Amino acid sequence: MIDEAVAIASAARWNVARVERHIVGLLEYEDFNAAAFPRLIASTRVNVSRGEHARTDFSRSANPLILHRKEQLVMQDDPRVSRWAETTRKLVERGLFKDSHAIGRQAVWNDRLVQAGLAALGDEVVPA
């Protein structure tokens, strides 16, 4: 189904696919190596059964959606998985994922990091 979606939305850039019943979301996130919590740059929603697609650009958003737990979106033999999973584990232990429905956007997440005495620096989380 992903191949069909890519064919329908041939010009779409993406690095994460979200598959639903007849819909494929081709999501373009910031480089996983450059950001601890990559920003959503754009989303292309493809209705495979109808052969239709629509793209939403988030690149200029002042408070973009962000991705947590990026270790779950790469192959488990990826050498980065253990480091990213360890970061997630430490943040969970510190309670940063409590009320996870509220942390989908960059501003709220950055506030939580600051309150915990942390900061995102490149693809790592470090003491502030």
N, C-alpha and C. Protein backbone atom coordinates (compact mmCIF):
# COMPACT_ATOMS: atom_id res chain seq x y z
N MET A 1 0.81 -1.19 0.00
CA MET A 1 0.00 0.00 0.00
C MET A 1 0.86 1.27 0.00
N ILE A 2 2.00 1.22 0.64
CA ILE A 2 2.89 2.38 0.65
C ILE A 2 3.38 2.67 -0.76
N ASP A 3 3.73 1.62 -1.51
CA ASP A 3 4.18 1.83 -2.89
C ASP A 3 3.10 2.50 -3.73
N GLU A 4 1.85 2.11 -3.52
CA GLU A 4 0.74 2.74 -4.24
C GLU A 4 0.63 4.21 -3.87
N ALA A 5 0.75 4.50 -2.59
CA ALA A 5 0.65 5.89 -2.12
C ALA A 5 1.77 6.74 -2.71
N VAL A 6 2.97 6.21 -2.74
CA VAL A 6 4.11 6.94 -3.29
C VAL A 6 3.89 7.21 -4.78
N ALA A 7 3.32 6.23 -5.49
CA ALA A 7 3.05 6.43 -6.91
C ALA A 7 2.00 7.52 -7.13
N ILE A 8 0.99 7.58 -6.28
CA ILE A 8 -0.06 8.59 -6.40
C ILE A 8 0.49 9.98 -6.08
N ALA A 9 1.30 10.08 -5.05
CA ALA A 9 1.86 11.37 -4.62
C ALA A 9 3.33 11.42 -4.98
N SER A 10 3.64 11.24 -6.23
CA SER A 10 5.01 11.01 -6.69
C SER A 10 6.02 12.07 -6.27
N ALA A 11 5.59 13.30 -6.12
CA ALA A 11 6.54 14.37 -5.78
C ALA A 11 6.73 14.54 -4.28
N ALA A 12 5.98 13.81 -3.48
CA ALA A 12 6.03 14.01 -2.03
C ALA A 12 7.35 13.51 -1.45
N ARG A 13 7.94 14.36 -0.62
CA ARG A 13 9.13 13.95 0.15
C ARG A 13 8.60 13.40 1.46
N TRP A 14 9.21 12.31 1.94
CA TRP A 14 8.76 11.71 3.20
C TRP A 14 9.84 10.82 3.75
N ASN A 15 9.78 10.58 5.08
CA ASN A 15 10.70 9.64 5.70
C ASN A 15 10.00 8.76 6.74
N VAL A 16 8.70 8.96 6.94
CA VAL A 16 7.89 8.11 7.81
C VAL A 16 6.55 7.90 7.12
N ALA A 17 6.09 6.66 7.10
CA ALA A 17 4.77 6.36 6.55
C ALA A 17 3.87 5.90 7.69
N ARG A 18 2.66 6.43 7.71
CA ARG A 18 1.64 6.01 8.68
C ARG A 18 0.51 5.39 7.86
N VAL A 19 0.23 4.12 8.11
CA VAL A 19 -0.73 3.38 7.30
C VAL A 19 -2.01 3.15 8.09
N GLU A 20 -3.12 3.54 7.50
CA GLU A 20 -4.45 3.28 8.04
C GLU A 20 -5.18 2.40 7.03
N ARG A 21 -6.49 2.30 7.14
CA ARG A 21 -7.25 1.38 6.30
C ARG A 21 -7.07 1.65 4.81
N HIS A 22 -7.45 2.81 4.34
CA HIS A 22 -7.30 3.17 2.92
C HIS A 22 -6.44 4.42 2.74
N ILE A 23 -5.88 4.86 3.84
CA ILE A 23 -5.13 6.12 3.85
C ILE A 23 -3.68 5.85 4.25
N VAL A 24 -2.78 6.50 3.55
CA VAL A 24 -1.37 6.46 3.91
C VAL A 24 -0.93 7.90 4.13
N GLY A 25 -0.32 8.15 5.28
CA GLY A 25 0.27 9.44 5.55
C GLY A 25 1.75 9.35 5.25
N LEU A 26 2.21 10.14 4.32
CA LEU A 26 3.64 10.22 4.00
C LEU A 26 4.15 11.47 4.71
N LEU A 27 4.88 11.24 5.79
CA LEU A 27 5.29 12.32 6.68
C LEU A 27 6.76 12.67 6.48
N GLU A 28 7.02 13.94 6.40
CA GLU A 28 8.40 14.40 6.27
C GLU A 28 8.81 15.06 7.57
N TYR A 29 9.69 14.40 8.29
CA TYR A 29 10.23 14.94 9.54
C TYR A 29 11.62 15.47 9.32
N GLU A 30 12.00 16.37 10.18
CA GLU A 30 13.38 16.85 10.25
C GLU A 30 14.32 15.65 10.39
N ASP A 31 15.53 15.80 9.96
CA ASP A 31 16.54 14.73 10.01
C ASP A 31 16.66 14.16 11.42
N PHE A 32 16.47 12.86 11.56
CA PHE A 32 16.56 12.19 12.86
C PHE A 32 17.93 12.36 13.49
N ASN A 33 18.98 12.51 12.69
CA ASN A 33 20.33 12.68 13.22
C ASN A 33 20.58 14.11 13.70
N ALA A 34 19.75 15.05 13.27
CA ALA A 34 19.97 16.45 13.60
C ALA A 34 19.14 16.92 14.78
N ALA A 35 18.10 16.16 15.16
CA ALA A 35 17.19 16.64 16.20
C ALA A 35 16.77 15.51 17.12
N ALA A 36 16.81 15.79 18.41
CA ALA A 36 16.35 14.80 19.39
C ALA A 36 14.86 14.54 19.23
N PHE A 37 14.11 15.58 18.87
CA PHE A 37 12.66 15.48 18.69
C PHE A 37 12.33 16.17 17.37
N PRO A 38 12.45 15.45 16.27
CA PRO A 38 12.30 16.05 14.94
C PRO A 38 10.93 16.72 14.74
N ARG A 39 10.98 17.89 14.09
CA ARG A 39 9.78 18.64 13.74
C ARG A 39 9.12 18.01 12.51
N LEU A 40 7.80 18.06 12.46
CA LEU A 40 7.07 17.65 11.27
C LEU A 40 7.16 18.80 10.27
N ILE A 41 7.73 18.52 9.11
CA ILE A 41 7.91 19.54 8.08
C ILE A 41 6.70 19.58 7.14
N ALA A 42 6.23 18.40 6.75
CA ALA A 42 5.08 18.33 5.84
C ALA A 42 4.42 16.97 5.96
N SER A 43 3.16 16.93 5.58
CA SER A 43 2.40 15.69 5.60
C SER A 43 1.63 15.57 4.30
N THR A 44 1.73 14.42 3.67
CA THR A 44 0.94 14.14 2.48
C THR A 44 0.00 13.00 2.82
N ARG A 45 -1.29 13.29 2.75
CA ARG A 45 -2.33 12.31 3.05
C ARG A 45 -2.80 11.73 1.72
N VAL A 46 -2.63 10.42 1.57
CA VAL A 46 -2.97 9.76 0.31
C VAL A 46 -4.13 8.80 0.55
N ASN A 47 -5.22 9.01 -0.18
CA ASN A 47 -6.34 8.07 -0.17
C ASN A 47 -6.08 7.12 -1.32
N VAL A 48 -5.58 5.94 -1.00
CA VAL A 48 -5.16 4.99 -2.02
C VAL A 48 -6.36 4.49 -2.82
N SER A 49 -7.49 4.25 -2.16
CA SER A 49 -8.65 3.72 -2.88
C SER A 49 -9.22 4.73 -3.87
N ARG A 50 -9.08 6.03 -3.60
CA ARG A 50 -9.59 7.07 -4.50
C ARG A 50 -8.52 7.62 -5.44
N GLY A 51 -7.25 7.33 -5.14
CA GLY A 51 -6.16 7.85 -5.96
C GLY A 51 -5.94 9.34 -5.78
N GLU A 52 -6.28 9.86 -4.59
CA GLU A 52 -6.17 11.29 -4.31
C GLU A 52 -5.14 11.55 -3.22
N HIS A 53 -4.57 12.74 -3.26
CA HIS A 53 -3.65 13.12 -2.19
C HIS A 53 -3.72 14.63 -1.93
N ALA A 54 -3.35 15.01 -0.72
CA ALA A 54 -3.28 16.42 -0.33
C ALA A 54 -2.07 16.59 0.57
N ARG A 55 -1.34 17.67 0.36
CA ARG A 55 -0.12 17.94 1.14
C ARG A 55 -0.33 19.17 2.01
N THR A 56 0.13 19.07 3.25
CA THR A 56 0.10 20.20 4.18
C THR A 56 1.53 20.52 4.57
N ASP A 57 1.90 21.78 4.41
CA ASP A 57 3.26 22.24 4.72
C ASP A 57 3.26 22.84 6.12
N PHE A 58 4.10 22.30 6.98
CA PHE A 58 4.24 22.80 8.35
C PHE A 58 5.58 23.49 8.57
N SER A 59 6.36 23.66 7.52
CA SER A 59 7.74 24.13 7.65
C SER A 59 7.87 25.51 8.28
N ARG A 60 6.85 26.33 8.18
CA ARG A 60 6.92 27.68 8.75
C ARG A 60 6.15 27.81 10.06
N SER A 61 5.72 26.69 10.60
CA SER A 61 4.96 26.72 11.84
C SER A 61 5.81 27.23 12.99
N ALA A 62 5.25 28.13 13.78
CA ALA A 62 5.95 28.65 14.96
C ALA A 62 5.98 27.63 16.09
N ASN A 63 5.06 26.69 16.06
CA ASN A 63 4.98 25.68 17.11
C ASN A 63 4.62 24.34 16.46
N PRO A 64 5.59 23.74 15.75
CA PRO A 64 5.29 22.54 14.97
C PRO A 64 5.05 21.30 15.84
N LEU A 65 4.38 20.34 15.23
CA LEU A 65 4.28 19.02 15.83
C LEU A 65 5.68 18.43 15.86
N ILE A 66 5.95 17.62 16.86
CA ILE A 66 7.26 16.98 16.96
C ILE A 66 7.09 15.49 17.18
N LEU A 67 8.15 14.78 16.94
CA LEU A 67 8.17 13.33 17.06
C LEU A 67 8.93 12.92 18.32
N HIS A 68 8.30 12.10 19.12
CA HIS A 68 8.94 11.50 20.28
C HIS A 68 9.19 10.04 19.96
N ARG A 69 10.08 9.42 20.68
CA ARG A 69 10.33 7.98 20.56
C ARG A 69 10.71 7.57 19.13
N LYS A 70 11.60 8.32 18.54
CA LYS A 70 11.99 8.04 17.16
C LYS A 70 12.63 6.67 17.00
N GLU A 71 13.10 6.09 18.11
CA GLU A 71 13.67 4.74 18.02
C GLU A 71 12.64 3.72 17.57
N GLN A 72 11.37 4.04 17.70
CA GLN A 72 10.32 3.11 17.27
C GLN A 72 10.03 3.19 15.78
N LEU A 73 10.65 4.13 15.09
CA LEU A 73 10.37 4.34 13.67
C LEU A 73 11.51 3.96 12.74
N VAL A 74 12.52 3.34 13.28
CA VAL A 74 13.62 2.84 12.44
C VAL A 74 13.76 1.34 12.70
N MET A 75 14.48 0.67 11.84
CA MET A 75 14.69 -0.77 12.00
C MET A 75 15.41 -1.03 13.33
N GLN A 76 15.04 -2.09 13.99
CA GLN A 76 15.59 -2.38 15.32
C GLN A 76 17.09 -2.69 15.30
N ASP A 77 17.64 -3.01 14.13
CA ASP A 77 19.09 -3.24 14.05
C ASP A 77 19.86 -1.96 13.71
N ASP A 78 19.16 -0.84 13.64
CA ASP A 78 19.80 0.45 13.40
C ASP A 78 20.70 0.75 14.60
N PRO A 79 21.95 1.12 14.38
CA PRO A 79 22.87 1.36 15.50
C PRO A 79 22.48 2.51 16.42
N ARG A 80 21.58 3.38 15.99
CA ARG A 80 21.14 4.52 16.80
C ARG A 80 20.05 4.14 17.80
N VAL A 81 19.39 3.01 17.59
CA VAL A 81 18.21 2.64 18.38
C VAL A 81 18.51 2.59 19.87
N SER A 82 19.59 1.97 20.26
CA SER A 82 19.85 1.81 21.70
C SER A 82 20.06 3.16 22.38
N ARG A 83 20.75 4.09 21.75
CA ARG A 83 20.98 5.42 22.33
C ARG A 83 19.67 6.19 22.43
N TRP A 84 18.88 6.15 21.37
CA TRP A 84 17.60 6.87 21.39
C TRP A 84 16.65 6.25 22.41
N ALA A 85 16.61 4.92 22.49
CA ALA A 85 15.74 4.24 23.46
C ALA A 85 16.17 4.59 24.89
N GLU A 86 17.45 4.69 25.13
CA GLU A 86 17.96 5.05 26.45
C GLU A 86 17.53 6.47 26.82
N THR A 87 17.58 7.38 25.86
CA THR A 87 17.11 8.75 26.11
C THR A 87 15.63 8.73 26.48
N THR A 88 14.83 8.00 25.73
CA THR A 88 13.39 7.90 26.02
C THR A 88 13.18 7.32 27.41
N ARG A 89 13.91 6.27 27.75
CA ARG A 89 13.76 5.62 29.06
C ARG A 89 14.03 6.62 30.18
N LYS A 90 15.09 7.39 30.05
CA LYS A 90 15.44 8.37 31.08
C LYS A 90 14.38 9.46 31.20
N LEU A 91 13.83 9.88 30.09
CA LEU A 91 12.79 10.91 30.12
C LEU A 91 11.50 10.37 30.73
N VAL A 92 11.18 9.12 30.43
CA VAL A 92 10.00 8.49 31.04
C VAL A 92 10.19 8.40 32.54
N GLU A 93 11.37 7.98 32.98
CA GLU A 93 11.67 7.88 34.42
C GLU A 93 11.52 9.23 35.12
N ARG A 94 11.86 10.30 34.43
CA ARG A 94 11.77 11.65 35.01
C ARG A 94 10.37 12.24 34.89
N GLY A 95 9.45 11.48 34.31
CA GLY A 95 8.06 11.91 34.23
C GLY A 95 7.72 12.84 33.08
N LEU A 96 8.62 12.99 32.13
CA LEU A 96 8.35 13.92 31.04
C LEU A 96 7.27 13.45 30.07
N PHE A 97 6.98 12.16 30.07
CA PHE A 97 5.94 11.66 29.16
C PHE A 97 4.58 11.55 29.85
N LYS A 98 4.49 12.00 31.09
CA LYS A 98 3.21 12.02 31.80
C LYS A 98 2.26 12.96 31.04
N ASP A 99 1.00 12.57 30.95
CA ASP A 99 0.02 13.34 30.17
C ASP A 99 0.53 13.55 28.75
N SER A 100 0.90 12.46 28.10
CA SER A 100 1.54 12.52 26.79
C SER A 100 0.69 13.20 25.72
N HIS A 101 -0.62 13.25 25.91
CA HIS A 101 -1.48 13.93 24.94
C HIS A 101 -1.16 15.42 24.82
N ALA A 102 -0.49 15.98 25.81
CA ALA A 102 -0.22 17.41 25.85
C ALA A 102 1.15 17.79 25.29
N ILE A 103 1.95 16.83 24.87
CA ILE A 103 3.34 17.15 24.51
C ILE A 103 3.64 17.04 23.02
N GLY A 104 2.62 17.10 22.19
CA GLY A 104 2.83 16.90 20.77
C GLY A 104 3.45 18.04 20.03
N ARG A 105 3.46 19.21 20.63
CA ARG A 105 4.02 20.38 19.95
C ARG A 105 5.31 20.85 20.63
N GLN A 106 6.14 21.49 19.85
CA GLN A 106 7.49 21.86 20.28
C GLN A 106 7.51 22.77 21.51
N ALA A 107 6.64 23.77 21.58
CA ALA A 107 6.70 24.74 22.68
C ALA A 107 6.43 24.07 24.02
N VAL A 108 5.38 23.27 24.10
CA VAL A 108 5.04 22.59 25.36
C VAL A 108 6.16 21.63 25.74
N TRP A 109 6.67 20.89 24.77
CA TRP A 109 7.73 19.92 25.05
C TRP A 109 8.99 20.64 25.54
N ASN A 110 9.36 21.73 24.88
CA ASN A 110 10.55 22.46 25.31
C ASN A 110 10.38 23.02 26.72
N ASP A 111 9.16 23.48 27.04
CA ASP A 111 8.89 23.95 28.40
C ASP A 111 9.09 22.82 29.41
N ARG A 112 8.62 21.63 29.08
CA ARG A 112 8.81 20.49 29.99
C ARG A 112 10.28 20.17 30.18
N LEU A 113 11.03 20.21 29.10
CA LEU A 113 12.47 19.96 29.21
C LEU A 113 13.12 20.99 30.13
N VAL A 114 12.79 22.26 29.94
CA VAL A 114 13.36 23.34 30.76
C VAL A 114 13.00 23.11 32.23
N GLN A 115 11.75 22.79 32.51
CA GLN A 115 11.32 22.55 33.89
C GLN A 115 12.07 21.38 34.52
N ALA A 116 12.52 20.44 33.68
CA ALA A 116 13.28 19.30 34.18
C ALA A 116 14.78 19.57 34.20
N GLY A 117 15.19 20.79 33.81
CA GLY A 117 16.60 21.14 33.79
C GLY A 117 17.34 20.53 32.62
N LEU A 118 16.63 20.32 31.51
CA LEU A 118 17.21 19.68 30.33
C LEU A 118 17.02 20.56 29.11
N ALA A 119 17.75 20.21 28.04
CA ALA A 119 17.61 20.90 26.76
C ALA A 119 17.92 19.91 25.65
N ALA A 120 17.29 20.11 24.51
CA ALA A 120 17.61 19.32 23.32
C ALA A 120 18.74 20.03 22.60
N LEU A 121 19.82 19.30 22.37
CA LEU A 121 20.98 19.83 21.66
C LEU A 121 21.33 18.83 20.56
N GLY A 122 21.08 19.23 19.32
CA GLY A 122 21.25 18.27 18.23
C GLY A 122 20.32 17.09 18.45
N ASP A 123 20.84 15.89 18.35
CA ASP A 123 19.96 14.72 18.54
C ASP A 123 20.07 14.15 19.96
N GLU A 124 20.55 14.98 20.89
CA GLU A 124 20.69 14.51 22.27
C GLU A 124 19.91 15.41 23.24
N VAL A 125 19.65 14.87 24.41
CA VAL A 125 19.07 15.65 25.50
C VAL A 125 20.17 15.78 26.55
N VAL A 126 20.43 17.03 26.94
CA VAL A 126 21.55 17.32 27.84
C VAL A 126 21.08 18.19 29.01
N PRO A 127 21.84 18.20 30.10
CA PRO A 127 21.49 19.13 31.18
C PRO A 127 21.53 20.57 30.67
N ALA A 128 20.56 21.37 31.10
CA ALA A 128 20.49 22.78 30.65
C ALA A 128 21.54 23.63 31.35
